[in-house]
Each structure stands twice: as structure tokens, then as C-alpha cells.
Amino acid sequence: LGLNFRAVEADSGAIGGSGSKEFMVLADSGEDDILVCESCKYA
């Protein structure tokens, strides 16, 4: 789809579960903030 994105660790919320990943499209207009490590793959 040609999107600039990052897969990040996420909170599962009401759905639950022991682990979750969110695919976040990087944009100035978003509502979520993500933290990205510049020296490793953690996001």
C-alpha cells in the first residue's frame, strides 16, 4: 500500500492477550505516540 509504517509493541486493551503488535503509519496527524530506539529495533 506504499505506507511509511513501524510495527510497535502495544497494549492489548479490552481484547486481552499476553502480547500485541500495532502497525503504525507514521504521520503528524495521528493520535498515538510511539517511542523508537535509534540504536536497535525496539519500538
PDB file of all heavy atoms in Angstrom:
ATOM      1  N   LEU A   1       0.820  -1.214   0.000  1.00  0.00           N
ATOM      2  CA  LEU A   1       0.000   0.000   0.000  1.00  0.00           C
ATOM      3  C   LEU A   1       0.858   1.270   0.000  1.00  0.00           C
ATOM      4  O   LEU A   1       0.324   2.380  -0.058  1.00  0.00           O
ATOM      5  CB  LEU A   1      -0.934   0.001   1.216  1.00  0.00           C
ATOM      6  CG  LEU A   1      -2.037  -1.069   1.209  1.00  0.00           C
ATOM      7  CD1 LEU A   1      -2.812  -1.048   2.517  1.00  0.00           C
ATOM      8  CD2 LEU A   1      -2.982  -0.879   0.029  1.00  0.00           C
ATOM      9  N   GLY A   2       2.161   1.096   0.084  1.00  0.00           N
ATOM     10  CA  GLY A   2       3.065   2.241  -0.009  1.00  0.00           C
ATOM     11  C   GLY A   2       3.086   3.127   1.211  1.00  0.00           C
ATOM     12  O   GLY A   2       3.328   4.332   1.105  1.00  0.00           O
ATOM     13  N   LEU A   3       2.856   2.544   2.382  1.00  0.00           N
ATOM     14  CA  LEU A   3       2.763   3.335   3.608  1.00  0.00           C
ATOM     15  C   LEU A   3       4.080   3.314   4.378  1.00  0.00           C
ATOM     16  O   LEU A   3       4.789   2.314   4.404  1.00  0.00           O
ATOM     17  CB  LEU A   3       1.643   2.787   4.499  1.00  0.00           C
ATOM     18  CG  LEU A   3       0.230   2.850   3.895  1.00  0.00           C
ATOM     19  CD1 LEU A   3      -0.749   2.054   4.742  1.00  0.00           C
ATOM     20  CD2 LEU A   3      -0.229   4.291   3.763  1.00  0.00           C
ATOM     21  N   ASN A   4       4.389   4.433   5.008  1.00  0.00           N
ATOM     22  CA  ASN A   4       5.550   4.529   5.889  1.00  0.00           C
ATOM     23  C   ASN A   4       5.095   4.097   7.282  1.00  0.00           C
ATOM     24  O   ASN A   4       4.322   4.796   7.943  1.00  0.00           O
ATOM     25  CB  ASN A   4       6.066   5.967   5.913  1.00  0.00           C
ATOM     26  CG  ASN A   4       7.316   6.111   6.762  1.00  0.00           C
ATOM     27  OD1 ASN A   4       7.978   5.130   7.088  1.00  0.00           O
ATOM     28  ND2 ASN A   4       7.631   7.342   7.147  1.00  0.00           N
ATOM     29  N   PHE A   5       5.540   2.938   7.753  1.00  0.00           N
ATOM     30  CA  PHE A   5       4.973   2.369   8.960  1.00  0.00           C
ATOM     31  C   PHE A   5       6.049   1.752   9.837  1.00  0.00           C
ATOM     32  O   PHE A   5       7.170   1.495   9.400  1.00  0.00           O
ATOM     33  CB  PHE A   5       3.931   1.295   8.599  1.00  0.00           C
ATOM     34  CG  PHE A   5       4.515   0.062   7.955  1.00  0.00           C
ATOM     35  CD1 PHE A   5       4.844  -1.050   8.714  1.00  0.00           C
ATOM     36  CD2 PHE A   5       4.771   0.022   6.587  1.00  0.00           C
ATOM     37  CE1 PHE A   5       5.401  -2.175   8.130  1.00  0.00           C
ATOM     38  CE2 PHE A   5       5.333  -1.098   5.992  1.00  0.00           C
ATOM     39  CZ  PHE A   5       5.644  -2.204   6.768  1.00  0.00           C
ATOM     40  N   ARG A   6       5.691   1.512  11.075  1.00  0.00           N
ATOM     41  CA  ARG A   6       6.528   0.761  12.006  1.00  0.00           C
ATOM     42  C   ARG A   6       5.639  -0.201  12.785  1.00  0.00           C
ATOM     43  O   ARG A   6       4.521   0.149  13.158  1.00  0.00           O
ATOM     44  CB  ARG A   6       7.232   1.692  12.994  1.00  0.00           C
ATOM     45  CG  ARG A   6       8.352   2.516  12.393  1.00  0.00           C
ATOM     46  CD  ARG A   6       9.542   1.674  12.005  1.00  0.00           C
ATOM     47  NE  ARG A   6      10.195   1.036  13.132  1.00  0.00           N
ATOM     48  CZ  ARG A   6      11.218   1.548  13.793  1.00  0.00           C
ATOM     49  NH1 ARG A   6      11.693   2.740  13.453  1.00  0.00           N
ATOM     50  NH2 ARG A   6      11.765   0.895  14.801  1.00  0.00           N
ATOM     51  N   ALA A   7       6.129  -1.393  13.049  1.00  0.00           N
ATOM     52  CA  ALA A   7       5.434  -2.344  13.909  1.00  0.00           C
ATOM     53  C   ALA A   7       5.951  -2.141  15.330  1.00  0.00           C
ATOM     54  O   ALA A   7       7.157  -2.221  15.569  1.00  0.00           O
ATOM     55  CB  ALA A   7       5.675  -3.770  13.450  1.00  0.00           C
ATOM     56  N   VAL A   8       5.068  -1.858  16.271  1.00  0.00           N
ATOM     57  CA  VAL A   8       5.487  -1.498  17.623  1.00  0.00           C
ATOM     58  C   VAL A   8       4.787  -2.369  18.657  1.00  0.00           C
ATOM     59  O   VAL A   8       3.715  -2.921  18.418  1.00  0.00           O
ATOM     60  CB  VAL A   8       5.184  -0.002  17.919  1.00  0.00           C
ATOM     61  CG1 VAL A   8       5.847   0.887  16.884  1.00  0.00           C
ATOM     62  CG2 VAL A   8       3.673   0.259  17.956  1.00  0.00           C
ATOM     63  N   GLU A   9       5.417  -2.493  19.818  1.00  0.00           N
ATOM     64  CA  GLU A   9       4.785  -3.173  20.945  1.00  0.00           C
ATOM     65  C   GLU A   9       3.565  -2.371  21.363  1.00  0.00           C
ATOM     66  O   GLU A   9       3.580  -1.142  21.350  1.00  0.00           O
ATOM     67  CB  GLU A   9       5.759  -3.273  22.126  1.00  0.00           C
ATOM     68  CG  GLU A   9       7.051  -4.013  21.832  1.00  0.00           C
ATOM     69  CD  GLU A   9       6.841  -5.508  21.657  1.00  0.00           C
ATOM     70  OE1 GLU A   9       5.825  -6.024  22.142  1.00  0.00           O
ATOM     71  OE2 GLU A   9       7.697  -6.154  21.030  1.00  0.00           O
ATOM     72  N   ALA A  10       2.495  -3.086  21.738  1.00  0.00           N
ATOM     73  CA  ALA A  10       1.245  -2.386  22.027  1.00  0.00           C
ATOM     74  C   ALA A  10       0.527  -2.994  23.210  1.00  0.00           C
ATOM     75  O   ALA A  10       0.785  -4.126  23.624  1.00  0.00           O
ATOM     76  CB  ALA A  10       0.336  -2.418  20.797  1.00  0.00           C
ATOM     77  N   ASP A  11      -0.419  -2.216  23.747  1.00  0.00           N
ATOM     78  CA  ASP A  11      -1.297  -2.673  24.820  1.00  0.00           C
ATOM     79  C   ASP A  11      -2.500  -3.360  24.195  1.00  0.00           C
ATOM     80  O   ASP A  11      -3.161  -2.791  23.334  1.00  0.00           O
ATOM     81  CB  ASP A  11      -1.730  -1.471  25.661  1.00  0.00           C
ATOM     82  CG  ASP A  11      -2.607  -1.861  26.839  1.00  0.00           C
ATOM     83  OD1 ASP A  11      -2.811  -3.072  27.046  1.00  0.00           O
ATOM     84  OD2 ASP A  11      -3.090  -0.956  27.540  1.00  0.00           O
ATOM     85  N   SER A  12      -2.810  -4.581  24.617  1.00  0.00           N
ATOM     86  CA  SER A  12      -3.921  -5.331  24.030  1.00  0.00           C
ATOM     87  C   SER A  12      -5.293  -4.769  24.403  1.00  0.00           C
ATOM     88  O   SER A  12      -6.288  -5.072  23.754  1.00  0.00           O
ATOM     89  CB  SER A  12      -3.845  -6.806  24.452  1.00  0.00           C
ATOM     90  OG  SER A  12      -2.637  -7.376  24.016  1.00  0.00           O
ATOM     91  N   GLY A  13      -5.377  -3.987  25.465  1.00  0.00           N
ATOM     92  CA  GLY A  13      -6.629  -3.348  25.849  1.00  0.00           C
ATOM     93  C   GLY A  13      -7.716  -4.343  26.209  1.00  0.00           C
ATOM     94  O   GLY A  13      -7.464  -5.404  26.776  1.00  0.00           O
ATOM     95  N   ALA A  14      -8.969  -3.997  25.811  1.00  0.00           N
ATOM     96  CA  ALA A  14     -10.132  -4.818  26.184  1.00  0.00           C
ATOM     97  C   ALA A  14     -10.123  -6.179  25.495  1.00  0.00           C
ATOM     98  O   ALA A  14     -10.785  -7.114  25.935  1.00  0.00           O
ATOM     99  CB  ALA A  14     -11.415  -4.070  25.849  1.00  0.00           C
ATOM    100  N   ILE A  15      -9.371  -6.311  24.401  1.00  0.00           N
ATOM    101  CA  ILE A  15      -9.322  -7.591  23.693  1.00  0.00           C
ATOM    102  C   ILE A  15      -8.512  -8.607  24.486  1.00  0.00           C
ATOM    103  O   ILE A  15      -8.788  -9.805  24.442  1.00  0.00           O
ATOM    104  CB  ILE A  15      -8.733  -7.385  22.279  1.00  0.00           C
ATOM    105  CG1 ILE A  15      -9.708  -6.558  21.430  1.00  0.00           C
ATOM    106  CG2 ILE A  15      -8.458  -8.714  21.601  1.00  0.00           C
ATOM    107  CD1 ILE A  15      -9.193  -6.222  20.056  1.00  0.00           C
ATOM    108  N   GLY A  16      -7.515  -8.144  25.228  1.00  0.00           N
ATOM    109  CA  GLY A  16      -6.743  -9.037  26.079  1.00  0.00           C
ATOM    110  C   GLY A  16      -5.614  -9.717  25.338  1.00  0.00           C
ATOM    111  O   GLY A  16      -5.278  -9.371  24.208  1.00  0.00           O
ATOM    112  N   GLY A  17      -5.001 -10.693  25.985  1.00  0.00           N
ATOM    113  CA  GLY A  17      -3.888 -11.405  25.378  1.00  0.00           C
ATOM    114  C   GLY A  17      -2.576 -11.051  26.053  1.00  0.00           C
ATOM    115  O   GLY A  17      -2.453 -10.043  26.736  1.00  0.00           O
ATOM    116  N   SER A  18      -1.580 -11.904  25.855  1.00  0.00           N
ATOM    117  CA  SER A  18      -0.296 -11.719  26.519  1.00  0.00           C
ATOM    118  C   SER A  18       0.686 -10.883  25.705  1.00  0.00           C
ATOM    119  O   SER A  18       1.709 -10.461  26.223  1.00  0.00           O
ATOM    120  CB  SER A  18       0.328 -13.091  26.805  1.00  0.00           C
ATOM    121  OG  SER A  18       0.494 -13.815  25.592  1.00  0.00           O
ATOM    122  N   GLY A  19       0.389 -10.667  24.437  1.00  0.00           N
ATOM    123  CA  GLY A  19       1.297  -9.881  23.610  1.00  0.00           C
ATOM    124  C   GLY A  19       0.560  -9.255  22.452  1.00  0.00           C
ATOM    125  O   GLY A  19      -0.449  -9.786  21.982  1.00  0.00           O
ATOM    126  N   SER A  20       1.048  -8.115  21.985  1.00  0.00           N
ATOM    127  CA  SER A  20       0.362  -7.429  20.899  1.00  0.00           C
ATOM    128  C   SER A  20       1.338  -6.549  20.134  1.00  0.00           C
ATOM    129  O   SER A  20       2.251  -5.960  20.717  1.00  0.00           O
ATOM    130  CB  SER A  20      -0.783  -6.568  21.458  1.00  0.00           C
ATOM    131  OG  SER A  20      -1.497  -5.944  20.420  1.00  0.00           O
ATOM    132  N   LYS A  21       1.145  -6.496  18.824  1.00  0.00           N
ATOM    133  CA  LYS A  21       1.909  -5.595  17.962  1.00  0.00           C
ATOM    134  C   LYS A  21       0.924  -4.690  17.222  1.00  0.00           C
ATOM    135  O   LYS A  21      -0.138  -5.139  16.795  1.00  0.00           O
ATOM    136  CB  LYS A  21       2.718  -6.380  16.926  1.00  0.00           C
ATOM    137  CG  LYS A  21       3.889  -7.156  17.488  1.00  0.00           C
ATOM    138  CD  LYS A  21       5.138  -6.320  17.532  1.00  0.00           C
ATOM    139  CE  LYS A  21       6.365  -7.174  17.837  1.00  0.00           C
ATOM    140  NZ  LYS A  21       7.582  -6.343  17.927  1.00  0.00           N
ATOM    141  N   GLU A  22       1.270  -3.427  17.083  1.00  0.00           N
ATOM    142  CA  GLU A  22       0.485  -2.496  16.286  1.00  0.00           C
ATOM    143  C   GLU A  22       1.322  -2.055  15.091  1.00  0.00           C
ATOM    144  O   GLU A  22       2.501  -1.736  15.243  1.00  0.00           O
ATOM    145  CB  GLU A  22       0.104  -1.253  17.101  1.00  0.00           C
ATOM    146  CG  GLU A  22      -1.028  -1.468  18.070  1.00  0.00           C
ATOM    147  CD  GLU A  22      -1.358  -0.193  18.838  1.00  0.00           C
ATOM    148  OE1 GLU A  22      -0.484   0.680  18.949  1.00  0.00           O
ATOM    149  OE2 GLU A  22      -2.491  -0.091  19.323  1.00  0.00           O
ATOM    150  N   PHE A  23       0.691  -2.044  13.925  1.00  0.00           N
ATOM    151  CA  PHE A  23       1.348  -1.485  12.751  1.00  0.00           C
ATOM    152  C   PHE A  23       0.906  -0.031  12.645  1.00  0.00           C
ATOM    153  O   PHE A  23      -0.252   0.255  12.353  1.00  0.00           O
ATOM    154  CB  PHE A  23       0.977  -2.285  11.496  1.00  0.00           C
ATOM    155  CG  PHE A  23       1.710  -3.579  11.389  1.00  0.00           C
ATOM    156  CD1 PHE A  23       1.344  -4.674  12.162  1.00  0.00           C
ATOM    157  CD2 PHE A  23       2.804  -3.714  10.542  1.00  0.00           C
ATOM    158  CE1 PHE A  23       2.026  -5.874  12.085  1.00  0.00           C
ATOM    159  CE2 PHE A  23       3.500  -4.910  10.456  1.00  0.00           C
ATOM    160  CZ  PHE A  23       3.111  -5.988  11.224  1.00  0.00           C
ATOM    161  N   MET A  24       1.835   0.865  12.917  1.00  0.00           N
ATOM    162  CA  MET A  24       1.522   2.286  12.996  1.00  0.00           C
ATOM    163  C   MET A  24       2.043   3.002  11.759  1.00  0.00           C
ATOM    164  O   MET A  24       3.232   2.922  11.429  1.00  0.00           O
ATOM    165  CB  MET A  24       2.159   2.894  14.242  1.00  0.00           C
ATOM    166  CG  MET A  24       1.845   2.161  15.530  1.00  0.00           C
ATOM    167  SD  MET A  24       0.197   2.491  16.140  1.00  0.00           S
ATOM    168  CE  MET A  24       0.445   4.082  16.882  1.00  0.00           C
ATOM    169  N   VAL A  25       1.143   3.705  11.060  1.00  0.00           N
ATOM    170  CA  VAL A  25       1.554   4.556   9.949  1.00  0.00           C
ATOM    171  C   VAL A  25       2.099   5.854  10.540  1.00  0.00           C
ATOM    172  O   VAL A  25       1.440   6.499  11.359  1.00  0.00           O
ATOM    173  CB  VAL A  25       0.367   4.849   9.009  1.00  0.00           C
ATOM    174  CG1 VAL A  25       0.787   5.816   7.914  1.00  0.00           C
ATOM    175  CG2 VAL A  25      -0.145   3.548   8.397  1.00  0.00           C
ATOM    176  N   LEU A  26       3.292   6.227  10.158  1.00  0.00           N
ATOM    177  CA  LEU A  26       3.925   7.422  10.713  1.00  0.00           C
ATOM    178  C   LEU A  26       3.336   8.666  10.060  1.00  0.00           C
ATOM    179  O   LEU A  26       3.401   8.846   8.843  1.00  0.00           O
ATOM    180  CB  LEU A  26       5.434   7.376  10.494  1.00  0.00           C
ATOM    181  CG  LEU A  26       6.135   6.119  11.032  1.00  0.00           C
ATOM    182  CD1 LEU A  26       7.644   6.254  10.851  1.00  0.00           C
ATOM    183  CD2 LEU A  26       5.797   5.891  12.491  1.00  0.00           C
ATOM    184  N   ALA A  27       2.729   9.523  10.874  1.00  0.00           N
ATOM    185  CA  ALA A  27       2.082  10.725  10.357  1.00  0.00           C
ATOM    186  C   ALA A  27       1.996  11.768  11.467  1.00  0.00           C
ATOM    187  O   ALA A  27       1.882  11.426  12.645  1.00  0.00           O
ATOM    188  CB  ALA A  27       0.686  10.401   9.825  1.00  0.00           C
ATOM    189  N   ASP A  28       2.034  13.033  11.084  1.00  0.00           N
ATOM    190  CA  ASP A  28       1.914  14.115  12.063  1.00  0.00           C
ATOM    191  C   ASP A  28       0.493  14.232  12.596  1.00  0.00           C
ATOM    192  O   ASP A  28       0.268  14.824  13.649  1.00  0.00           O
ATOM    193  CB  ASP A  28       2.322  15.452  11.429  1.00  0.00           C
ATOM    194  CG  ASP A  28       3.796  15.484  11.050  1.00  0.00           C
ATOM    195  OD1 ASP A  28       4.580  14.773  11.711  1.00  0.00           O
ATOM    196  OD2 ASP A  28       4.150  16.199  10.102  1.00  0.00           O
ATOM    197  N   SER A  29      -0.463  13.673  11.866  1.00  0.00           N
ATOM    198  CA  SER A  29      -1.870  13.846  12.222  1.00  0.00           C
ATOM    199  C   SER A  29      -2.423  12.731  13.106  1.00  0.00           C
ATOM    200  O   SER A  29      -3.605  12.689  13.372  1.00  0.00           O
ATOM    201  CB  SER A  29      -2.714  13.924  10.945  1.00  0.00           C
ATOM    202  OG  SER A  29      -2.515  12.780  10.137  1.00  0.00           O
ATOM    203  N   GLY A  30      -1.561  11.829  13.559  1.00  0.00           N
ATOM    204  CA  GLY A  30      -2.040  10.703  14.347  1.00  0.00           C
ATOM    205  C   GLY A  30      -2.397  11.090  15.768  1.00  0.00           C
ATOM    206  O   GLY A  30      -2.094  12.196  16.240  1.00  0.00           O
ATOM    207  N   GLU A  31      -3.025  10.141  16.482  1.00  0.00           N
ATOM    208  CA  GLU A  31      -3.424  10.369  17.867  1.00  0.00           C
ATOM    209  C   GLU A  31      -2.530   9.640  18.851  1.00  0.00           C
ATOM    210  O   GLU A  31      -2.534   9.945  20.033  1.00  0.00           O
ATOM    211  CB  GLU A  31      -4.874   9.910  18.075  1.00  0.00           C
ATOM    212  CG  GLU A  31      -5.903  10.766  17.362  1.00  0.00           C
ATOM    213  CD  GLU A  31      -7.318  10.389  17.773  1.00  0.00           C
ATOM    214  OE1 GLU A  31      -7.741   9.271  17.450  1.00  0.00           O
ATOM    215  OE2 GLU A  31      -7.985  11.200  18.413  1.00  0.00           O
ATOM    216  N   ASP A  32      -1.770   8.664  18.380  1.00  0.00           N
ATOM    217  CA  ASP A  32      -0.902   7.875  19.262  1.00  0.00           C
ATOM    218  C   ASP A  32       0.540   8.364  19.164  1.00  0.00           C
ATOM    219  O   ASP A  32       0.973   8.863  18.123  1.00  0.00           O
ATOM    220  CB  ASP A  32      -0.947   6.395  18.882  1.00  0.00           C
ATOM    221  CG  ASP A  32      -2.226   5.722  19.363  1.00  0.00           C
ATOM    222  OD1 ASP A  32      -2.909   6.318  20.218  1.00  0.00           O
ATOM    223  OD2 ASP A  32      -2.544   4.637  18.892  1.00  0.00           O
ATOM    224  N   ASP A  33       1.255   8.215  20.253  1.00  0.00           N
ATOM    225  CA  ASP A  33       2.689   8.498  20.270  1.00  0.00           C
ATOM    226  C   ASP A  33       3.432   7.176  20.368  1.00  0.00           C
ATOM    227  O   ASP A  33       3.037   6.282  21.124  1.00  0.00           O
ATOM    228  CB  ASP A  33       3.060   9.377  21.468  1.00  0.00           C
ATOM    229  CG  ASP A  33       2.462  10.771  21.352  1.00  0.00           C
ATOM    230  OD1 ASP A  33       2.464  11.304  20.237  1.00  0.00           O
ATOM    231  OD2 ASP A  33       1.995  11.305  22.376  1.00  0.00           O
ATOM    232  N   ILE A  34       4.500   7.051  19.607  1.00  0.00           N
ATOM    233  CA  ILE A  34       5.329   5.852  19.691  1.00  0.00           C
ATOM    234  C   ILE A  34       6.753   6.245  20.059  1.00  0.00           C
ATOM    235  O   ILE A  34       7.205   7.356  19.758  1.00  0.00           O
ATOM    236  CB  ILE A  34       5.316   5.033  18.384  1.00  0.00           C
ATOM    237  CG1 ILE A  34       5.931   5.837  17.221  1.00  0.00           C
ATOM    238  CG2 ILE A  34       3.915   4.598  18.027  1.00  0.00           C
ATOM    239  CD1 ILE A  34       6.106   5.009  15.951  1.00  0.00           C
ATOM    240  N   LEU A  35       7.428   5.334  20.722  1.00  0.00           N
ATOM    241  CA  LEU A  35       8.823   5.531  21.104  1.00  0.00           C
ATOM    242  C   LEU A  35       9.679   4.567  20.298  1.00  0.00           C
ATOM    243  O   LEU A  35       9.389   3.370  20.250  1.00  0.00           O
ATOM    244  CB  LEU A  35       9.001   5.265  22.602  1.00  0.00           C
ATOM    245  CG  LEU A  35       8.143   6.139  23.529  1.00  0.00           C
ATOM    246  CD1 LEU A  35       8.350   5.727  24.977  1.00  0.00           C
ATOM    247  CD2 LEU A  35       8.476   7.609  23.344  1.00  0.00           C
ATOM    248  N   VAL A  36      10.712   5.096  19.660  1.00  0.00           N
ATOM    249  CA  VAL A  36      11.558   4.298  18.775  1.00  0.00           C
ATOM    250  C   VAL A  36      13.009   4.429  19.210  1.00  0.00           C
ATOM    251  O   VAL A  36      13.495   5.535  19.451  1.00  0.00           O
ATOM    252  CB  VAL A  36      11.408   4.768  17.301  1.00  0.00           C
ATOM    253  CG1 VAL A  36      12.307   3.957  16.396  1.00  0.00           C
ATOM    254  CG2 VAL A  36       9.964   4.656  16.849  1.00  0.00           C
ATOM    255  N   CYS A  37      13.683   3.296  19.333  1.00  0.00           N
ATOM    256  CA  CYS A  37      15.099   3.299  19.675  1.00  0.00           C
ATOM    257  C   CYS A  37      15.920   3.475  18.395  1.00  0.00           C
ATOM    258  O   CYS A  37      15.716   2.755  17.415  1.00  0.00           O
ATOM    259  CB  CYS A  37      15.481   1.992  20.368  1.00  0.00           C
ATOM    260  SG  CYS A  37      17.241   1.881  20.766  1.00  0.00           S
ATOM    261  N   GLU A  38      16.831   4.437  18.403  1.00  0.00           N
ATOM    262  CA  GLU A  38      17.642   4.711  17.214  1.00  0.00           C
ATOM    263  C   GLU A  38      18.813   3.747  17.071  1.00  0.00           C
ATOM    264  O   GLU A  38      19.410   3.658  15.997  1.00  0.00           O
ATOM    265  CB  GLU A  38      18.150   6.154  17.256  1.00  0.00           C
ATOM    266  CG  GLU A  38      17.027   7.195  17.176  1.00  0.00           C
ATOM    267  CD  GLU A  38      17.558   8.606  17.210  1.00  0.00           C
ATOM    268  OE1 GLU A  38      18.777   8.762  17.437  1.00  0.00           O
ATOM    269  OE2 GLU A  38      16.764   9.547  16.998  1.00  0.00           O
ATOM    270  N   SER A  39      19.151   3.029  18.134  1.00  0.00           N
ATOM    271  CA  SER A  39      20.314   2.132  18.076  1.00  0.00           C
ATOM    272  C   SER A  39      19.934   0.652  18.036  1.00  0.00           C
ATOM    273  O   SER A  39      20.796  -0.203  18.004  1.00  0.00           O
ATOM    274  CB  SER A  39      21.229   2.391  19.278  1.00  0.00           C
ATOM    275  OG  SER A  39      20.523   2.185  20.490  1.00  0.00           O
ATOM    276  N   CYS A  40      18.606   0.354  18.073  1.00  0.00           N
ATOM    277  CA  CYS A  40      18.168  -1.030  17.970  1.00  0.00           C
ATOM    278  C   CYS A  40      16.803  -1.056  17.282  1.00  0.00           C
ATOM    279  O   CYS A  40      16.320  -0.028  16.818  1.00  0.00           O
ATOM    280  CB  CYS A  40      18.080  -1.693  19.351  1.00  0.00           C
ATOM    281  SG  CYS A  40      16.790  -1.008  20.414  1.00  0.00           S
ATOM    282  N   LYS A  41      16.175  -2.214  17.223  1.00  0.00           N
ATOM    283  CA  LYS A  41      14.900  -2.354  16.516  1.00  0.00           C
ATOM    284  C   LYS A  41      13.692  -2.120  17.419  1.00  0.00           C
ATOM    285  O   LYS A  41      12.547  -2.242  16.968  1.00  0.00           O
ATOM    286  CB  LYS A  41      14.802  -3.757  15.904  1.00  0.00           C
ATOM    287  CG  LYS A  41      15.810  -4.009  14.788  1.00  0.00           C
ATOM    288  CD  LYS A  41      15.610  -5.389  14.179  1.00  0.00           C
ATOM    289  CE  LYS A  41      16.585  -5.625  13.040  1.00  0.00           C
ATOM    290  NZ  LYS A  41      16.390  -6.971  12.433  1.00  0.00           N
ATOM    291  N   TYR A  42      13.926  -1.784  18.693  1.00  0.00           N
ATOM    292  CA  TYR A  42      12.798  -1.644  19.613  1.00  0.00           C
ATOM    293  C   TYR A  42      11.933  -0.435  19.266  1.00  0.00           C
ATOM    294  O   TYR A  42      12.425   0.664  19.003  1.00  0.00           O
ATOM    295  CB  TYR A  42      13.294  -1.503  21.049  1.00  0.00           C
ATOM    296  CG  TYR A  42      12.166  -1.408  22.056  1.00  0.00           C
ATOM    297  CD1 TYR A  42      11.489  -2.538  22.475  1.00  0.00           C
ATOM    298  CD2 TYR A  42      11.771  -0.170  22.563  1.00  0.00           C
ATOM    299  CE1 TYR A  42      10.446  -2.461  23.391  1.00  0.00           C
ATOM    300  CE2 TYR A  42      10.728  -0.082  23.475  1.00  0.00           C
ATOM    301  CZ  TYR A  42      10.072  -1.221  23.881  1.00  0.00           C
ATOM    302  OH  TYR A  42       9.036  -1.132  24.778  1.00  0.00           O
ATOM    303  N   ALA A  43      10.615  -0.662  19.246  1.00  0.00           N
ATOM    304  CA  ALA A  43       9.644   0.419  19.045  1.00  0.00           C
ATOM    305  C   ALA A  43       8.372   0.034  19.776  1.00  0.00           C
ATOM    306  O   ALA A  43       7.978  -1.139  19.771  1.00  0.00           O
ATOM    307  CB  ALA A  43       9.358   0.631  17.553  1.00  0.00           C
TER     308      ALA A  43
END
